[in-house]
Amino acid sequence: MRTNRKTWGTADSESGSVLVIALMMLVFLTMIGIAATTTTSIELQIARNERIYAENFNHAEAAARHAIQLIENMTAADLSDHDAFPWLHNGELTDLSLVPDFTNPDNWTLAGSDVNAGSMSDAMGAEFNDTYFAAIDRLVTGEEDLTLPSKMHLFQCFGNYNHPTRGRVLIEVGYKRRY
C-alpha cells in the first residue's frame, strides 16, 4: 500500500531570505561597532585634554607656590626693596600706568631662572621651562595693629604656564605676611 506523503518545501519567494536577514544583522552589528569605536576615540581625546589641562594647571600652581616660598624665605628688608627682585612688583602704586601688564612677557620671571633663591627647573626638571611667576605686594589697610611694629601685606602671587602647543594656564594665589 502506498501512502501519499506531502513534502513540505520552501516556496520560491522565500529562497535566500536567511542570507538577507544574516547580511542585515551583519550590517547592523558593524554600525554598532563603528559607533562604539567613534565614541571610544572621542572619550580618549577628552581624557587626554583633561590630563593636559591638569598638568598645565599643576605647572602654573607650582610657579605660584614657588613665588610664595620665595616671599616666605625673604627678609623684611628684601621684601621692601621691590627693585631688587624683578618678579616682585609694588602694588601700592597710585599711578596705574606703573602697574605691571601681565600680558607682556617681560613682566614675568621664568621659573627656571636665577632669582637669588634657587631654581624650579633645577629641582623639577626641564619641563618647567615654560613656567613663569610674578607677585604683587599690596599693603593691607584696616588690618594694621598699632601695637605691632610691622604691617600686614597681601601678596598676589601669579603662576603662568604658557606652552606653545599645550595651551596656557594663569592662576592667582593670595598670601599674607606681616613684616
C-alpha atoms as a PDB file:
ATOM      1  CA  MET A   1       0.000   0.000   0.000  1.00  0.00           C
ATOM      2  CA  ARG A   2       1.172   3.278  -0.908  1.00  0.00           C
ATOM      3  CA  THR A   3       0.688   6.355   1.239  1.00  0.00           C
ATOM      4  CA  ASN A   4       0.624   9.754  -0.162  1.00  0.00           C
ATOM      5  CA  ARG A   5       3.065  11.888   1.730  1.00  0.00           C
ATOM      6  CA  LYS A   6       3.407  15.524   1.092  1.00  0.00           C
ATOM      7  CA  THR A   7       6.858  17.050   1.296  1.00  0.00           C
ATOM      8  CA  TRP A   8       6.996  20.471   2.771  1.00  0.00           C
ATOM      9  CA  GLY A   9       9.490  22.647   0.962  1.00  0.00           C
ATOM     10  CA  THR A  10      10.196  26.293   0.688  1.00  0.00           C
ATOM     11  CA  ALA A  11       8.277  28.465  -1.624  1.00  0.00           C
ATOM     12  CA  ASP A  12      10.206  30.051  -4.422  1.00  0.00           C
ATOM     13  CA  SER A  13       9.631  33.533  -2.978  1.00  0.00           C
ATOM     14  CA  GLU A  14      11.411  32.655   0.309  1.00  0.00           C
ATOM     15  CA  SER A  15      14.639  31.285  -1.108  1.00  0.00           C
ATOM     16  CA  GLY A  16      17.674  33.218   0.229  1.00  0.00           C
ATOM     17  CA  SER A  17      15.763  35.080   2.937  1.00  0.00           C
ATOM     18  CA  VAL A  18      18.079  33.702   5.637  1.00  0.00           C
ATOM     19  CA  LEU A  19      21.028  35.132   3.754  1.00  0.00           C
ATOM     20  CA  VAL A  20      19.390  38.578   3.544  1.00  0.00           C
ATOM     21  CA  ILE A  21      18.500  38.540   7.237  1.00  0.00           C
ATOM     22  CA  ALA A  22      22.061  37.481   8.125  1.00  0.00           C
ATOM     23  CA  LEU A  23      23.504  40.293   5.998  1.00  0.00           C
ATOM     24  CA  MET A  24      21.162  42.832   7.612  1.00  0.00           C
ATOM     25  CA  MET A  25      22.254  41.655  11.062  1.00  0.00           C
ATOM     26  CA  LEU A  26      25.899  41.889   9.998  1.00  0.00           C
ATOM     27  CA  VAL A  27      25.414  45.474   8.747  1.00  0.00           C
ATOM     28  CA  PHE A  28      23.587  46.399  11.970  1.00  0.00           C
ATOM     29  CA  LEU A  29      26.350  44.943  14.161  1.00  0.00           C
ATOM     30  CA  THR A  30      29.000  46.687  12.034  1.00  0.00           C
ATOM     31  CA  MET A  31      27.246  50.028  12.542  1.00  0.00           C
ATOM     32  CA  ILE A  32      27.144  49.433  16.298  1.00  0.00           C
ATOM     33  CA  GLY A  33      30.872  48.603  16.250  1.00  0.00           C
ATOM     34  CA  ILE A  34      31.717  51.763  14.289  1.00  0.00           C
ATOM     35  CA  ALA A  35      29.637  53.893  16.679  1.00  0.00           C
ATOM     36  CA  ALA A  36      31.363  52.317  19.684  1.00  0.00           C
ATOM     37  CA  THR A  37      34.792  52.917  18.160  1.00  0.00           C
ATOM     38  CA  THR A  38      33.981  56.561  17.421  1.00  0.00           C
ATOM     39  CA  THR A  39      32.662  57.094  20.952  1.00  0.00           C
ATOM     40  CA  THR A  40      35.775  55.488  22.429  1.00  0.00           C
ATOM     41  CA  SER A  41      38.008  57.680  20.282  1.00  0.00           C
ATOM     42  CA  ILE A  42      36.200  60.829  21.426  1.00  0.00           C
ATOM     43  CA  GLU A  43      36.367  59.731  25.076  1.00  0.00           C
ATOM     44  CA  LEU A  44      40.121  59.170  24.736  1.00  0.00           C
ATOM     45  CA  GLN A  45      40.565  62.683  23.298  1.00  0.00           C
ATOM     46  CA  ILE A  46      38.557  64.152  26.174  1.00  0.00           C
ATOM     47  CA  ALA A  47      40.635  62.244  28.730  1.00  0.00           C
ATOM     48  CA  ARG A  48      43.870  63.395  27.038  1.00  0.00           C
ATOM     49  CA  ASN A  49      42.730  67.033  27.084  1.00  0.00           C
ATOM     50  CA  GLU A  50      41.764  66.784  30.759  1.00  0.00           C
ATOM     51  CA  ARG A  51      45.171  65.279  31.596  1.00  0.00           C
ATOM     52  CA  ILE A  52      46.986  68.035  29.683  1.00  0.00           C
ATOM     53  CA  TYR A  53      44.931  70.752  31.406  1.00  0.00           C
ATOM     54  CA  ALA A  54      45.609  69.197  34.823  1.00  0.00           C
ATOM     55  CA  GLU A  55      49.353  69.097  34.080  1.00  0.00           C
ATOM     56  CA  ASN A  56      49.290  72.704  32.851  1.00  0.00           C
ATOM     57  CA  PHE A  57      47.364  73.789  35.952  1.00  0.00           C
ATOM     58  CA  ASN A  58      49.847  71.970  38.194  1.00  0.00           C
ATOM     59  CA  HIS A  59      52.761  73.748  36.485  1.00  0.00           C
ATOM     60  CA  ALA A  60      51.111  77.155  36.986  1.00  0.00           C
ATOM     61  CA  GLU A  61      50.249  76.342  40.598  1.00  0.00           C
ATOM     62  CA  ALA A  62      53.818  75.199  41.259  1.00  0.00           C
ATOM     63  CA  ALA A  63      55.092  78.533  39.915  1.00  0.00           C
ATOM     64  CA  ALA A  64      52.735  80.496  42.189  1.00  0.00           C
ATOM     65  CA  ARG A  65      53.734  78.368  45.176  1.00  0.00           C
ATOM     66  CA  HIS A  66      57.375  78.925  44.263  1.00  0.00           C
ATOM     67  CA  ALA A  67      56.774  82.685  44.497  1.00  0.00           C
ATOM     68  CA  ILE A  68      55.090  82.179  47.886  1.00  0.00           C
ATOM     69  CA  GLN A  69      58.067  80.165  49.125  1.00  0.00           C
ATOM     70  CA  LEU A  70      60.459  82.880  47.937  1.00  0.00           C
ATOM     71  CA  ILE A  71      58.399  85.515  49.793  1.00  0.00           C
ATOM     72  CA  GLU A  72      58.373  83.399  52.950  1.00  0.00           C
ATOM     73  CA  ASN A  73      62.152  82.946  52.845  1.00  0.00           C
ATOM     74  CA  MET A  74      62.929  86.625  52.212  1.00  0.00           C
ATOM     75  CA  THR A  75      63.806  89.105  54.926  1.00  0.00           C
ATOM     76  CA  ALA A  76      61.720  92.208  55.558  1.00  0.00           C
ATOM     77  CA  ALA A  77      64.482  94.354  54.056  1.00  0.00           C
ATOM     78  CA  ASP A  78      64.465  92.277  50.879  1.00  0.00           C
ATOM     79  CA  LEU A  79      60.677  92.469  50.635  1.00  0.00           C
ATOM     80  CA  SER A  80      60.784  96.241  50.975  1.00  0.00           C
ATOM     81  CA  ASP A  81      63.197  96.556  48.051  1.00  0.00           C
ATOM     82  CA  HIS A  82      60.910  95.754  45.108  1.00  0.00           C
ATOM     83  CA  ASP A  83      63.520  96.840  42.572  1.00  0.00           C
ATOM     84  CA  ALA A  84      65.981  94.132  43.642  1.00  0.00           C
ATOM     85  CA  PHE A  85      63.635  91.338  42.558  1.00  0.00           C
ATOM     86  CA  PRO A  86      62.182  91.653  39.051  1.00  0.00           C
ATOM     87  CA  TRP A  87      59.347  89.266  39.826  1.00  0.00           C
ATOM     88  CA  LEU A  88      58.102  91.251  42.867  1.00  0.00           C
ATOM     89  CA  HIS A  89      56.030  94.279  41.899  1.00  0.00           C
ATOM     90  CA  ASN A  90      54.887  97.137  44.112  1.00  0.00           C
ATOM     91  CA  GLY A  91      51.111  97.131  44.371  1.00  0.00           C
ATOM     92  CA  GLU A  92      50.879 100.325  46.424  1.00  0.00           C
ATOM     93  CA  LEU A  93      51.231 102.408  43.287  1.00  0.00           C
ATOM     94  CA  THR A  94      48.647 105.102  42.718  1.00  0.00           C
ATOM     95  CA  ASP A  95      49.728 105.648  39.109  1.00  0.00           C
ATOM     96  CA  LEU A  96      48.013 102.802  37.225  1.00  0.00           C
ATOM     97  CA  SER A  97      50.422 103.154  34.302  1.00  0.00           C
ATOM     98  CA  LEU A  98      53.144 101.729  36.569  1.00  0.00           C
ATOM     99  CA  VAL A  99      51.144  98.614  37.494  1.00  0.00           C
ATOM    100  CA  PRO A 100      52.646  95.637  35.635  1.00  0.00           C
ATOM    101  CA  ASP A 101      50.949  94.486  32.461  1.00  0.00           C
ATOM    102  CA  PHE A 102      50.928  90.705  32.715  1.00  0.00           C
ATOM    103  CA  THR A 103      50.154  90.335  29.019  1.00  0.00           C
ATOM    104  CA  ASN A 104      53.754  91.474  28.488  1.00  0.00           C
ATOM    105  CA  PRO A 105      56.166  88.517  28.904  1.00  0.00           C
ATOM    106  CA  ASP A 106      58.866  90.864  30.255  1.00  0.00           C
ATOM    107  CA  ASN A 107      56.868  91.253  33.496  1.00  0.00           C
ATOM    108  CA  TRP A 108      57.184  87.536  34.235  1.00  0.00           C
ATOM    109  CA  THR A 109      60.170  85.719  35.667  1.00  0.00           C
ATOM    110  CA  LEU A 110      60.975  82.332  34.196  1.00  0.00           C
ATOM    111  CA  ALA A 111      60.621  79.795  36.971  1.00  0.00           C
ATOM    112  CA  GLY A 112      63.906  78.210  35.983  1.00  0.00           C
ATOM    113  CA  SER A 113      65.899  81.436  36.003  1.00  0.00           C
ATOM    114  CA  ASP A 114      68.172  82.655  38.776  1.00  0.00           C
ATOM    115  CA  VAL A 115      66.021  84.670  41.173  1.00  0.00           C
ATOM    116  CA  ASN A 116      68.524  84.776  44.009  1.00  0.00           C
ATOM    117  CA  ALA A 117      66.720  81.912  45.717  1.00  0.00           C
ATOM    118  CA  GLY A 118      67.005  78.719  43.706  1.00  0.00           C
ATOM    119  CA  SER A 119      65.510  77.370  40.549  1.00  0.00           C
ATOM    120  CA  MET A 120      62.370  75.360  39.906  1.00  0.00           C
ATOM    121  CA  SER A 121      63.735  73.738  36.752  1.00  0.00           C
ATOM    122  CA  ASP A 122      66.794  72.505  38.670  1.00  0.00           C
ATOM    123  CA  ALA A 123      64.542  70.840  41.225  1.00  0.00           C
ATOM    124  CA  MET A 124      61.669  69.792  38.957  1.00  0.00           C
ATOM    125  CA  GLY A 125      63.264  69.245  35.546  1.00  0.00           C
ATOM    126  CA  ALA A 126      63.305  70.912  32.161  1.00  0.00           C
ATOM    127  CA  GLU A 127      59.524  70.682  31.819  1.00  0.00           C
ATOM    128  CA  PHE A 128      59.284  73.926  33.809  1.00  0.00           C
ATOM    129  CA  ASN A 129      60.970  75.906  31.027  1.00  0.00           C
ATOM    130  CA  ASP A 130      57.596  77.409  30.042  1.00  0.00           C
ATOM    131  CA  THR A 131      56.602  78.213  33.629  1.00  0.00           C
ATOM    132  CA  TYR A 132      56.666  81.789  34.909  1.00  0.00           C
ATOM    133  CA  PHE A 133      55.802  83.543  38.165  1.00  0.00           C
ATOM    134  CA  ALA A 134      55.280  87.061  39.458  1.00  0.00           C
ATOM    135  CA  ALA A 135      53.938  88.672  42.618  1.00  0.00           C
ATOM    136  CA  ILE A 136      52.393  91.978  43.613  1.00  0.00           C
ATOM    137  CA  ASP A 137      52.898  93.306  47.131  1.00  0.00           C
ATOM    138  CA  ARG A 138      49.839  95.118  48.469  1.00  0.00           C
ATOM    139  CA  LEU A 139      49.776  96.743  51.888  1.00  0.00           C
ATOM    140  CA  VAL A 140      46.536  95.757  53.587  1.00  0.00           C
ATOM    141  CA  THR A 141      44.808  98.728  55.161  1.00  0.00           C
ATOM    142  CA  GLY A 142      42.377  98.296  58.010  1.00  0.00           C
ATOM    143  CA  GLU A 143      44.309  95.377  59.481  1.00  0.00           C
ATOM    144  CA  GLU A 144      47.070  97.455  60.944  1.00  0.00           C
ATOM    145  CA  ASP A 145      47.637  96.887  64.632  1.00  0.00           C
ATOM    146  CA  LEU A 146      49.331  99.893  66.189  1.00  0.00           C
ATOM    147  CA  THR A 147      50.861  97.729  68.912  1.00  0.00           C
ATOM    148  CA  LEU A 148      52.828  95.711  66.331  1.00  0.00           C
ATOM    149  CA  PRO A 149      55.940  97.180  64.717  1.00  0.00           C
ATOM    150  CA  SER A 150      55.081  95.602  61.353  1.00  0.00           C
ATOM    151  CA  LYS A 151      52.314  95.879  58.767  1.00  0.00           C
ATOM    152  CA  MET A 152      50.258  93.204  57.071  1.00  0.00           C
ATOM    153  CA  HIS A 153      50.963  92.719  53.377  1.00  0.00           C
ATOM    154  CA  LEU A 154      48.841  90.771  50.933  1.00  0.00           C
ATOM    155  CA  PHE A 155      50.758  89.277  48.070  1.00  0.00           C
ATOM    156  CA  GLN A 156      49.041  88.350  44.859  1.00  0.00           C
ATOM    157  CA  CYS A 157      51.187  85.522  43.537  1.00  0.00           C
ATOM    158  CA  PHE A 158      50.717  84.522  39.935  1.00  0.00           C
ATOM    159  CA  GLY A 159      51.742  81.365  38.144  1.00  0.00           C
ATOM    160  CA  ASN A 160      51.747  81.208  34.377  1.00  0.00           C
ATOM    161  CA  TYR A 161      52.340  78.102  32.298  1.00  0.00           C
ATOM    162  CA  ASN A 162      52.498  79.021  28.627  1.00  0.00           C
ATOM    163  CA  HIS A 163      53.346  76.071  26.397  1.00  0.00           C
ATOM    164  CA  PRO A 164      53.361  76.696  22.638  1.00  0.00           C
ATOM    165  CA  THR A 165      51.341  73.563  21.806  1.00  0.00           C
ATOM    166  CA  ARG A 166      49.588  72.630  25.049  1.00  0.00           C
ATOM    167  CA  GLY A 167      47.939  75.927  25.916  1.00  0.00           C
ATOM    168  CA  ARG A 168      48.191  78.484  28.681  1.00  0.00           C
ATOM    169  CA  VAL A 169      47.070  78.499  32.311  1.00  0.00           C
ATOM    170  CA  LEU A 170      47.251  81.521  34.598  1.00  0.00           C
ATOM    171  CA  ILE A 171      46.395  81.283  38.282  1.00  0.00           C
ATOM    172  CA  GLU A 172      46.447  83.718  41.173  1.00  0.00           C
ATOM    173  CA  VAL A 173      47.054  82.758  44.792  1.00  0.00           C
ATOM    174  CA  GLY A 174      46.747  85.135  47.713  1.00  0.00           C
ATOM    175  CA  TYR A 175      49.298  85.101  50.505  1.00  0.00           C
ATOM    176  CA  LYS A 176      49.538  87.266  53.645  1.00  0.00           C
ATOM    177  CA  ARG A 177      52.695  88.082  55.502  1.00  0.00           C
ATOM    178  CA  ARG A 178      53.400  90.552  58.237  1.00  0.00           C
ATOM    179  CA  TYR A 179      56.674  92.459  58.130  1.00  0.00           C
END
